[in-house]
Structures are given as C-alpha cells and as structure tokens.
Amino acid sequence: MILVDDGLATGATMLAGIAALRRQDPARIVVGVPVCPPETLVEIERAADEVVVLFAPAWFRGVGQFYEDFAQLSDDTVRDLLARAAERK
C-alpha cells in the first residue's frame, strides 16, 4: 500500500492512516511525501515500512512554505474530485 501526502508537518494524520492500514494487514506500507521536518520523518520511518521524502530541512516551518500556491480546497471540491475519480474505475 502506498500513502502519499503533499507534505507533513506533525505527521499525525499520516500516522493515523498508517495505523488504519496496518489493521488491514498489507504486505508493506510505503509513504511518499515531498517535504517534512526531520523529527516527523523519524516518526514516520518508525511506523511505515519505507518512506520516500525529497526534502527534510531543519528550518521547516510549514508545508505551505514549499509551494507557490498552497490554497486550501473546499470540502465540496474534494467530494467532486473523489466522485470523478470513482467514476473512472
């Protein structure tokens, strides 16, 4: 199973996702993120079988600092995108 996020700050949501997937007994859990702070990386590495991260700078302040446009999506937009993805299956 592969879990991907646009970046991690505390990693709490990713840790919850990993724990939920562990209950389904996957062969492996691989986490992929472009950026996170070093201390979060350590926590995620303990929980996942493999972690792919592009950048874990000590001066990390927030995921948004690494994006030109980090606008939040509305719940309606997310629902629409998920519905469209489900239709493709």
Foldseek 3Di string as FASTA:
>chain_A
DEAEDQEDEQCVVVLVVLVVVVVVVDPFYEYEYAEYAPVSVVVVVVRGVYYHYNYHDNPDDDSVVVDPDDDDDDPVVVVVVVVVVVVVD
